[in-house]
N, C-alpha and C. Protein backbone atom coordinates (compact mmCIF):
# COMPACT_ATOMS: atom_id res chain seq x y z
N MET A 1 -30.60 53.55 41.57
CA MET A 1 -30.89 54.62 40.23
C MET A 1 -29.28 53.66 39.03
N ALA A 2 -28.60 53.18 40.28
CA ALA A 2 -27.50 52.90 39.73
C ALA A 2 -27.12 51.84 39.42
N LYS A 3 -27.92 50.82 39.78
CA LYS A 3 -28.74 49.26 39.43
C LYS A 3 -28.83 49.69 37.91
N ALA A 4 -30.71 50.46 38.04
CA ALA A 4 -30.69 50.06 36.50
C ALA A 4 -30.43 50.66 35.71
N LEU A 5 -29.30 51.48 35.68
CA LEU A 5 -28.10 51.89 34.75
C LEU A 5 -27.46 51.62 34.33
N LEU A 6 -26.52 50.22 35.85
CA LEU A 6 -25.93 49.55 35.30
C LEU A 6 -26.28 47.97 33.93
N SER A 7 -27.43 47.91 34.49
CA SER A 7 -28.49 46.56 33.89
C SER A 7 -28.99 47.01 32.37
N ILE A 8 -29.19 48.64 32.36
CA ILE A 8 -29.58 49.34 30.72
C ILE A 8 -27.83 49.20 29.84
N VAL A 9 -27.15 49.67 30.71
CA VAL A 9 -25.60 49.34 29.93
C VAL A 9 -25.40 48.18 29.49
N PHE A 10 -25.64 46.97 30.40
CA PHE A 10 -25.36 45.68 30.29
C PHE A 10 -25.49 45.64 29.60
N PHE A 11 -27.63 45.77 29.35
CA PHE A 11 -28.42 45.17 28.36
C PHE A 11 -28.00 45.53 26.85
N ALA A 12 -27.42 46.74 26.76
CA ALA A 12 -27.47 47.47 25.41
C ALA A 12 -26.30 47.21 24.78
N LEU A 13 -24.94 46.93 26.01
CA LEU A 13 -23.92 46.71 25.76
C LEU A 13 -24.24 44.82 25.06
N SER A 14 -24.17 43.78 25.23
CA SER A 14 -24.84 42.75 25.19
C SER A 14 -25.85 42.41 24.04
N THR A 15 -26.65 43.86 23.82
CA THR A 15 -27.49 43.85 22.68
C THR A 15 -26.77 43.69 21.65
N LEU A 16 -25.76 44.98 21.39
CA LEU A 16 -24.90 45.22 20.52
C LEU A 16 -23.50 43.82 20.48
N ILE A 17 -23.18 43.42 21.01
CA ILE A 17 -22.12 42.15 20.74
C ILE A 17 -23.37 41.23 20.21
N SER A 18 -24.03 40.77 20.52
CA SER A 18 -24.62 39.80 19.54
C SER A 18 -24.88 40.01 18.80
N ASP A 19 -25.74 41.15 18.43
CA ASP A 19 -25.53 41.87 16.49
C ASP A 19 -24.47 42.04 15.75
N ALA A 20 -23.71 42.55 16.44
CA ALA A 20 -21.96 41.76 16.15
C ALA A 20 -22.01 40.73 15.28
N SER A 21 -22.21 39.85 16.19
CA SER A 21 -21.62 38.23 15.81
C SER A 21 -22.58 37.99 15.55
N LEU A 22 -23.92 38.41 14.89
CA LEU A 22 -24.96 37.61 14.40
C LEU A 22 -24.74 38.13 12.42
N ALA A 23 -23.67 39.51 12.31
CA ALA A 23 -23.51 40.71 11.01
C ALA A 23 -22.54 39.67 11.00
N ALA A 24 -21.30 39.45 11.64
CA ALA A 24 -19.80 38.54 11.60
C ALA A 24 -20.07 37.51 10.79
N ALA A 25 -21.10 36.17 12.08
CA ALA A 25 -21.09 35.60 11.08
C ALA A 25 -21.61 34.25 10.21
N PRO A 26 -21.04 33.38 9.46
CA PRO A 26 -21.08 33.08 8.18
C PRO A 26 -22.96 32.86 8.13
N LYS A 27 -23.36 32.75 6.85
CA LYS A 27 -24.54 32.29 6.69
C LYS A 27 -24.41 30.55 6.94
N LYS A 28 -25.44 30.34 7.52
CA LYS A 28 -25.09 28.98 7.31
C LYS A 28 -25.54 28.22 5.80
N GLN A 29 -25.24 27.10 5.25
CA GLN A 29 -25.25 26.57 4.06
C GLN A 29 -26.38 25.46 3.86
N PRO A 30 -26.97 25.45 2.94
CA PRO A 30 -28.04 24.25 3.15
C PRO A 30 -27.09 22.62 3.22
N SER A 31 -28.04 22.03 4.16
CA SER A 31 -27.58 20.92 4.27
C SER A 31 -27.49 19.80 2.70
N TRP A 32 -27.02 18.88 2.44
CA TRP A 32 -27.76 17.92 1.42
C TRP A 32 -29.32 18.08 1.10
N ASN A 33 -30.27 17.44 1.85
CA ASN A 33 -31.46 17.75 1.49
C ASN A 33 -32.13 18.74 1.29
N GLU A 34 -31.76 19.78 1.69
CA GLU A 34 -32.35 21.15 1.41
C GLU A 34 -31.79 21.73 0.10
N LEU A 35 -31.07 21.06 -0.57
CA LEU A 35 -30.37 21.56 -1.88
C LEU A 35 -31.48 21.45 -2.34
N SER A 36 -31.79 21.71 -3.85
CA SER A 36 -33.13 21.76 -4.88
C SER A 36 -32.40 20.48 -5.47
N ALA A 37 -33.38 20.10 -6.25
CA ALA A 37 -32.88 18.61 -7.22
C ALA A 37 -31.91 18.93 -8.76
N GLU A 38 -32.22 19.67 -8.64
CA GLU A 38 -31.35 20.42 -9.57
C GLU A 38 -30.10 20.81 -8.94
N GLN A 39 -30.05 21.57 -7.94
CA GLN A 39 -28.49 21.56 -7.74
C GLN A 39 -28.21 20.23 -6.92
N GLN A 40 -28.83 19.42 -6.73
CA GLN A 40 -28.59 17.54 -6.13
C GLN A 40 -28.11 16.91 -7.70
N LYS A 41 -28.13 17.25 -8.11
CA LYS A 41 -27.64 16.82 -10.15
C LYS A 41 -26.73 16.96 -10.25
N THR A 42 -26.62 18.11 -10.52
CA THR A 42 -25.20 19.05 -10.62
C THR A 42 -24.39 19.15 -9.73
N LEU A 43 -24.38 18.47 -8.31
CA LEU A 43 -23.14 18.36 -7.35
C LEU A 43 -23.39 17.38 -7.18
N SER A 44 -23.71 16.43 -8.01
CA SER A 44 -24.09 15.23 -6.71
C SER A 44 -22.86 14.37 -6.93
N PRO A 45 -21.69 14.34 -7.93
CA PRO A 45 -20.11 13.80 -7.31
C PRO A 45 -19.08 14.56 -5.76
N LEU A 46 -20.61 14.98 -5.27
CA LEU A 46 -19.67 16.00 -4.25
C LEU A 46 -20.56 15.82 -2.86
N SER A 47 -22.27 14.25 -3.38
CA SER A 47 -22.69 14.18 -2.02
C SER A 47 -22.38 13.39 -0.69
N SER A 48 -21.62 12.60 -0.91
CA SER A 48 -21.30 11.52 0.02
C SER A 48 -20.25 12.66 1.53
N GLY A 49 -19.58 13.95 0.99
CA GLY A 49 -19.10 14.91 1.61
C GLY A 49 -19.93 16.31 2.06
N TRP A 50 -20.89 16.57 1.42
CA TRP A 50 -21.52 17.64 1.31
C TRP A 50 -21.80 18.01 2.60
N ASP A 51 -22.39 17.44 3.11
CA ASP A 51 -22.86 17.80 4.91
C ASP A 51 -21.72 18.29 5.72
N GLU A 52 -20.98 17.28 6.05
CA GLU A 52 -19.36 17.75 6.50
C GLU A 52 -18.53 19.25 5.61
N MET A 53 -18.74 19.35 4.76
CA MET A 53 -17.74 20.62 4.06
C MET A 53 -18.58 22.06 4.82
N ASP A 54 -16.90 22.70 4.82
CA ASP A 54 -17.75 24.04 5.92
C ASP A 54 -18.57 25.12 4.90
N ALA A 55 -19.09 26.14 5.35
CA ALA A 55 -19.88 26.90 4.73
C ALA A 55 -19.39 27.66 3.35
N SER A 56 -17.95 27.88 3.81
CA SER A 56 -17.65 28.28 2.48
C SER A 56 -16.90 27.42 1.17
N ARG A 57 -16.99 26.37 1.59
CA ARG A 57 -16.75 25.90 0.84
C ARG A 57 -18.17 25.69 -0.63
N LYS A 58 -18.96 25.38 0.42
CA LYS A 58 -20.51 24.61 -0.12
C LYS A 58 -21.37 26.43 -0.87
N LYS A 59 -20.76 27.36 -0.48
CA LYS A 59 -21.16 28.63 -0.99
C LYS A 59 -19.92 28.27 -2.54
N LYS A 60 -18.84 28.18 -2.33
CA LYS A 60 -18.70 27.85 -3.93
C LYS A 60 -18.97 27.01 -4.71
N TRP A 61 -19.46 25.95 -3.93
CA TRP A 61 -19.99 24.98 -4.94
C TRP A 61 -21.05 25.63 -5.63
N LEU A 62 -22.16 25.82 -4.95
CA LEU A 62 -23.60 26.52 -5.12
C LEU A 62 -22.92 27.17 -6.27
N GLY A 63 -21.92 28.20 -6.03
CA GLY A 63 -21.93 29.23 -7.04
C GLY A 63 -21.87 29.03 -8.95
N ILE A 64 -20.80 26.87 -8.42
CA ILE A 64 -20.81 26.76 -9.87
C ILE A 64 -21.89 26.04 -10.18
N ALA A 65 -22.76 25.36 -8.92
CA ALA A 65 -24.01 24.81 -9.68
C ALA A 65 -25.04 26.07 -10.29
N LYS A 66 -24.99 27.24 -9.25
CA LYS A 66 -25.73 28.00 -10.05
C LYS A 66 -25.33 28.70 -11.88
N ARG A 67 -24.31 28.54 -12.11
CA ARG A 67 -24.15 28.51 -13.26
C ARG A 67 -23.51 27.51 -14.23
N TYR A 68 -23.87 26.81 -14.05
CA TYR A 68 -24.01 25.16 -14.27
C TYR A 68 -25.09 25.31 -15.81
N PRO A 69 -25.83 25.58 -15.36
CA PRO A 69 -27.33 25.39 -16.98
C PRO A 69 -26.89 26.44 -17.99
N ARG A 70 -26.02 27.49 -17.05
CA ARG A 70 -25.51 28.35 -18.65
C ARG A 70 -24.01 27.86 -19.49
N MET A 71 -23.88 26.64 -18.89
CA MET A 71 -22.40 26.50 -19.26
C MET A 71 -22.80 25.21 -20.86
N LYS A 72 -21.45 25.94 -21.23
CA LYS A 72 -21.84 25.04 -22.64
C LYS A 72 -21.06 23.54 -22.38
N PRO A 73 -22.40 22.30 -23.48
CA PRO A 73 -21.98 21.27 -22.63
C PRO A 73 -20.49 20.39 -22.53
N THR A 74 -19.49 20.75 -23.08
CA THR A 74 -18.21 20.82 -22.91
C THR A 74 -18.04 21.30 -21.80
N ALA A 75 -18.61 22.67 -20.90
CA ALA A 75 -17.66 22.89 -19.99
C ALA A 75 -18.50 22.51 -18.71
N GLN A 76 -19.59 21.66 -18.65
CA GLN A 76 -20.48 21.32 -18.65
C GLN A 76 -19.67 19.38 -17.54
N ALA A 77 -19.64 19.16 -18.75
CA ALA A 77 -18.82 18.27 -18.35
C ALA A 77 -17.02 18.14 -18.21
N ASN A 78 -16.87 19.38 -18.44
CA ASN A 78 -15.29 19.74 -17.63
C ASN A 78 -15.54 19.70 -15.70
N ALA A 79 -16.99 20.31 -15.76
CA ALA A 79 -16.80 20.62 -14.39
C ALA A 79 -17.24 19.81 -13.52
N THR A 80 -18.30 18.64 -14.27
CA THR A 80 -18.57 17.16 -13.72
C THR A 80 -17.02 16.63 -13.05
N LYS A 81 -16.58 16.31 -14.11
CA LYS A 81 -15.02 15.55 -14.13
C LYS A 81 -14.21 16.33 -12.30
N ARG A 82 -14.58 17.68 -12.79
CA ARG A 82 -13.42 18.08 -11.71
C ARG A 82 -13.99 17.44 -10.55
N MET A 83 -15.47 17.74 -10.28
CA MET A 83 -15.70 17.47 -9.16
C MET A 83 -15.69 16.02 -8.70
N GLN A 84 -15.74 14.66 -10.10
CA GLN A 84 -15.50 14.07 -8.95
C GLN A 84 -14.59 13.33 -8.95
N ASP A 85 -12.63 14.05 -9.55
CA ASP A 85 -11.91 14.12 -9.41
C ASP A 85 -11.45 14.93 -7.45
N TRP A 86 -11.80 16.15 -7.87
CA TRP A 86 -12.30 16.27 -6.23
C TRP A 86 -12.60 15.55 -5.38
N ALA A 87 -13.77 14.94 -5.69
CA ALA A 87 -14.04 14.44 -4.61
C ALA A 87 -13.47 12.73 -4.28
N ALA A 88 -13.24 12.37 -4.97
CA ALA A 88 -12.37 11.21 -4.75
C ALA A 88 -10.47 11.55 -3.85
N LEU A 89 -10.19 12.75 -3.84
CA LEU A 89 -9.23 13.01 -3.35
C LEU A 89 -9.08 12.93 -1.94
N THR A 90 -8.38 12.44 -1.10
CA THR A 90 -8.19 12.67 0.55
C THR A 90 -8.08 14.69 0.76
N PRO A 91 -8.53 13.94 2.21
CA PRO A 91 -8.34 15.31 2.86
C PRO A 91 -7.25 15.75 2.72
N ALA A 92 -5.75 15.04 2.82
CA ALA A 92 -4.67 15.73 2.90
C ALA A 92 -4.54 16.27 1.37
N GLU A 93 -4.75 15.31 0.04
CA GLU A 93 -4.61 15.55 -1.21
C GLU A 93 -5.01 17.04 -1.72
N ARG A 94 -6.36 17.53 -0.82
CA ARG A 94 -7.47 18.69 -0.71
C ARG A 94 -6.27 20.13 -0.72
N GLN A 95 -6.23 19.67 0.91
CA GLN A 95 -5.16 20.70 1.21
C GLN A 95 -4.18 20.83 0.26
N ALA A 96 -3.51 20.41 -0.23
CA ALA A 96 -2.15 20.42 -0.96
C ALA A 96 -2.75 21.16 -2.21
N ALA A 97 -3.96 20.48 -2.53
CA ALA A 97 -4.18 21.11 -3.98
C ALA A 97 -4.42 22.49 -3.72
N ARG A 98 -5.10 23.02 -2.11
CA ARG A 98 -5.48 24.72 -2.20
C ARG A 98 -3.98 24.94 -1.82
N GLU A 99 -3.02 24.56 -1.28
CA GLU A 99 -1.65 25.86 -1.03
C GLU A 99 -1.70 24.95 -2.00
N GLY A 100 -0.97 24.70 -3.27
CA GLY A 100 -0.18 24.83 -4.66
C GLY A 100 -1.15 26.06 -5.31
N PHE A 101 -2.35 26.23 -5.19
CA PHE A 101 -3.49 27.18 -6.41
C PHE A 101 -3.06 28.46 -5.10
N ARG A 102 -3.02 28.36 -4.15
CA ARG A 102 -2.59 29.48 -3.41
C ARG A 102 -0.84 30.04 -3.63
N LYS A 103 -0.32 28.84 -3.76
CA LYS A 103 1.02 29.44 -4.24
C LYS A 103 1.20 30.05 -6.06
N LEU A 104 0.16 29.74 -6.58
CA LEU A 104 0.61 29.61 -8.45
C LEU A 104 -0.17 30.98 -7.97
N GLU A 105 -1.24 31.41 -7.20
CA GLU A 105 -1.74 33.19 -7.06
C GLU A 105 -0.63 33.81 -6.70
N LYS A 106 0.05 33.48 -5.87
CA LYS A 106 1.14 34.55 -5.49
C LYS A 106 2.46 34.58 -6.26
N LEU A 107 2.21 33.83 -7.38
CA LEU A 107 3.73 34.24 -9.09
C LEU A 107 3.72 35.11 -9.71
N PRO A 108 4.35 36.34 -9.87
CA PRO A 108 3.88 37.12 -10.64
C PRO A 108 3.55 37.10 -12.47
N PRO A 109 2.95 37.81 -12.86
CA PRO A 109 2.21 37.42 -14.13
C PRO A 109 3.60 36.67 -15.20
N GLU A 110 4.49 37.54 -15.08
CA GLU A 110 5.62 36.46 -16.04
C GLU A 110 5.68 35.08 -15.51
N LYS A 111 5.28 34.91 -14.89
CA LYS A 111 6.07 32.96 -14.01
C LYS A 111 4.76 32.35 -14.45
N LYS A 112 3.74 33.01 -14.49
CA LYS A 112 2.41 32.53 -14.32
C LYS A 112 2.11 32.26 -16.17
N ARG A 113 2.50 32.78 -16.99
CA ARG A 113 2.14 33.19 -18.28
C ARG A 113 3.40 31.67 -18.48
N THR A 114 4.13 31.69 -18.29
CA THR A 114 5.20 30.99 -18.29
C THR A 114 5.17 29.10 -17.96
N LEU A 115 4.48 29.35 -16.90
CA LEU A 115 3.78 28.16 -16.59
C LEU A 115 2.74 27.48 -17.27
N SER A 116 1.72 28.68 -17.23
CA SER A 116 0.29 28.50 -18.17
C SER A 116 1.00 27.24 -19.95
N GLN A 117 1.97 28.45 -20.17
CA GLN A 117 2.65 27.94 -21.50
C GLN A 117 3.24 26.67 -21.37
N LYS A 118 4.27 26.01 -20.00
CA LYS A 118 4.04 24.62 -19.98
C LYS A 118 3.40 23.89 -19.92
N TRP A 119 1.58 24.42 -19.22
CA TRP A 119 1.14 23.00 -18.93
C TRP A 119 0.54 23.15 -20.57
N GLU A 120 0.14 23.90 -21.33
CA GLU A 120 -0.52 23.71 -22.57
C GLU A 120 0.42 23.11 -23.21
N GLN A 121 1.99 22.94 -23.49
CA GLN A 121 2.61 22.10 -23.74
C GLN A 121 2.44 20.75 -23.51
N TYR A 122 2.54 20.60 -22.58
CA TYR A 122 2.11 18.98 -21.31
C TYR A 122 1.04 19.11 -21.77
N ASN A 123 -0.36 19.08 -22.11
CA ASN A 123 -1.61 19.06 -22.78
C ASN A 123 -1.51 18.93 -24.36
N GLN A 124 -0.22 19.44 -24.93
CA GLN A 124 -0.17 19.05 -26.12
C GLN A 124 0.19 17.59 -26.64
N LEU A 125 1.24 17.05 -25.48
CA LEU A 125 1.39 15.83 -25.84
C LEU A 125 1.12 14.14 -26.18
N PRO A 126 0.97 13.54 -26.84
CA PRO A 126 0.34 12.13 -26.55
C PRO A 126 0.17 11.34 -24.79
N GLU A 127 -1.05 10.76 -25.16
CA GLU A 127 -1.73 9.99 -23.83
C GLU A 127 0.27 9.49 -23.21
N SER A 128 -0.33 8.54 -23.71
CA SER A 128 1.16 7.56 -23.53
C SER A 128 2.61 8.87 -22.67
N GLU A 129 3.06 9.52 -23.26
CA GLU A 129 4.00 10.86 -23.45
C GLU A 129 4.09 11.55 -21.94
N ARG A 130 2.96 12.18 -21.61
CA ARG A 130 2.37 11.99 -20.23
C ARG A 130 2.02 11.38 -19.29
N GLU A 131 2.07 9.97 -19.72
CA GLU A 131 2.19 9.13 -18.59
C GLU A 131 3.66 8.37 -17.99
N LEU A 132 4.40 8.45 -19.44
CA LEU A 132 5.83 8.52 -19.29
C LEU A 132 6.02 9.94 -17.66
N LEU A 133 5.51 10.56 -18.10
CA LEU A 133 6.27 11.83 -16.85
C LEU A 133 5.60 11.71 -16.02
N ARG A 134 4.44 11.48 -16.21
CA ARG A 134 4.12 11.19 -14.50
C ARG A 134 4.62 10.77 -13.60
N GLU A 135 4.81 9.27 -14.29
CA GLU A 135 5.47 8.24 -13.75
C GLU A 135 6.52 8.75 -13.23
N ALA A 136 8.12 9.61 -13.90
CA ALA A 136 8.60 10.34 -13.45
C ALA A 136 8.69 10.76 -12.53
N ALA A 137 7.55 11.43 -12.28
CA ALA A 137 7.65 12.44 -10.99
C ALA A 137 7.20 12.21 -9.83
N ARG A 138 6.65 11.12 -10.29
CA ARG A 138 6.08 10.10 -8.78
C ARG A 138 7.50 9.51 -8.21
N LYS A 139 8.14 8.65 -9.47
CA LYS A 139 9.72 8.63 -8.76
C LYS A 139 9.96 9.31 -8.32
N LYS A 140 10.23 10.87 -8.37
CA LYS A 140 10.87 11.52 -8.44
C LYS A 140 10.71 12.03 -6.71
N LYS A 141 9.36 12.16 -6.89
CA LYS A 141 8.83 12.67 -5.45
C LYS A 141 9.22 11.60 -4.20
N ASN A 142 8.81 10.22 -4.50
CA ASN A 142 8.99 9.03 -3.71
C ASN A 142 10.88 9.39 -3.34
N SER A 143 11.82 9.35 -4.39
CA SER A 143 12.73 9.46 -3.98
C SER A 143 13.19 10.52 -3.02
N LEU A 144 12.34 11.33 -3.42
CA LEU A 144 12.51 12.88 -2.48
C LEU A 144 12.35 12.86 -0.44
N GLN A 145 11.27 12.10 -1.07
CA GLN A 145 10.43 11.70 0.34
C GLN A 145 11.55 10.95 1.04
N ALA A 146 11.99 9.49 0.71
CA ALA A 146 13.01 8.64 0.96
C ALA A 146 14.07 9.41 1.53
N ALA A 147 14.56 10.06 1.24
CA ALA A 147 15.51 10.98 1.77
C ALA A 147 15.46 12.09 2.52
N GLU A 148 14.82 12.20 2.75
CA GLU A 148 13.80 13.18 3.83
C GLU A 148 13.11 12.40 4.76
N ASN A 149 12.83 11.31 4.66
CA ASN A 149 11.96 10.22 5.52
C ASN A 149 12.64 9.30 5.48
N PRO A 150 14.11 8.62 5.82
CA PRO A 150 14.51 7.26 5.76
C PRO A 150 14.31 6.59 6.90
N ALA A 151 13.42 5.54 5.65
CA ALA A 151 12.28 4.58 6.98
C ALA A 151 14.03 3.82 7.89
N ASN A 152 12.95 3.29 8.60
CA ASN A 152 13.85 2.21 9.67
C ASN A 152 13.77 1.38 9.28
N THR A 153 15.38 0.52 9.24
CA THR A 153 15.61 -0.57 8.78
C THR A 153 17.10 -1.19 9.55
N SER A 154 17.01 -2.39 9.14
CA SER A 154 17.60 -3.37 10.84
C SER A 154 19.65 -2.56 10.10
N THR A 155 19.60 -2.06 10.13
CA THR A 155 20.86 -1.39 10.11
C THR A 155 20.96 -1.18 11.09
N PRO A 156 21.48 -1.17 12.51
CA PRO A 156 21.88 -0.48 13.67
C PRO A 156 22.33 0.93 13.64
N ASN A 157 21.51 1.70 14.70
CA ASN A 157 22.37 3.18 14.88
C ASN A 157 23.03 3.28 15.34
N PRO A 158 24.52 3.88 14.85
CA PRO A 158 25.90 3.40 15.53
C PRO A 158 25.93 4.69 16.78
N THR A 159 24.64 5.43 16.82
CA THR A 159 24.94 5.92 18.02
C THR A 159 24.23 5.38 19.33
N THR A 160 23.59 3.98 18.96
CA THR A 160 23.31 3.89 19.97
C THR A 160 23.47 2.80 20.64
N ARG A 161 23.61 2.15 21.35
CA ARG A 161 24.14 0.85 22.25
C ARG A 161 23.45 -0.58 22.08
N PRO A 162 24.06 -1.54 22.27
CA PRO A 162 22.26 -3.13 21.69
C PRO A 162 22.63 -2.86 23.58
N ASN A 163 21.36 -3.25 23.87
CA ASN A 163 21.16 -3.94 25.34
C ASN A 163 21.85 -5.19 25.73
């Protein structure tokens, strides 16, 4: 009797655990080949990395693909360009972009407004001026990285002895 009761309890617990894990498990998102022709056309810039993408990212992109037909042509072109830009990023660049977005989301509303105004001012500049600013930012970033991670040079380290 005790054995039967124990097996019933074990079965009930295992059923509850498996039901809970099924409920908590995210829905498997489709592989590239399982997408409709329309979805594949919309998401084509992401095709090469689609099957390696995690489920939450696929879900996000599928939501965009669902809204895509209702977008104005300029919004569609913008969405396509952003997908192409995103697909061209390295995994490290994508992670940095996500972290930057999270930081922006945490900013107080006033700082968000100020940043938005500065972004609009930047976008109003002629392309040549924006390129100069981008180049200056790259140089600044490179010099900061060089200061943080000095390259190995041929100058001997005074704290070590030569052999």
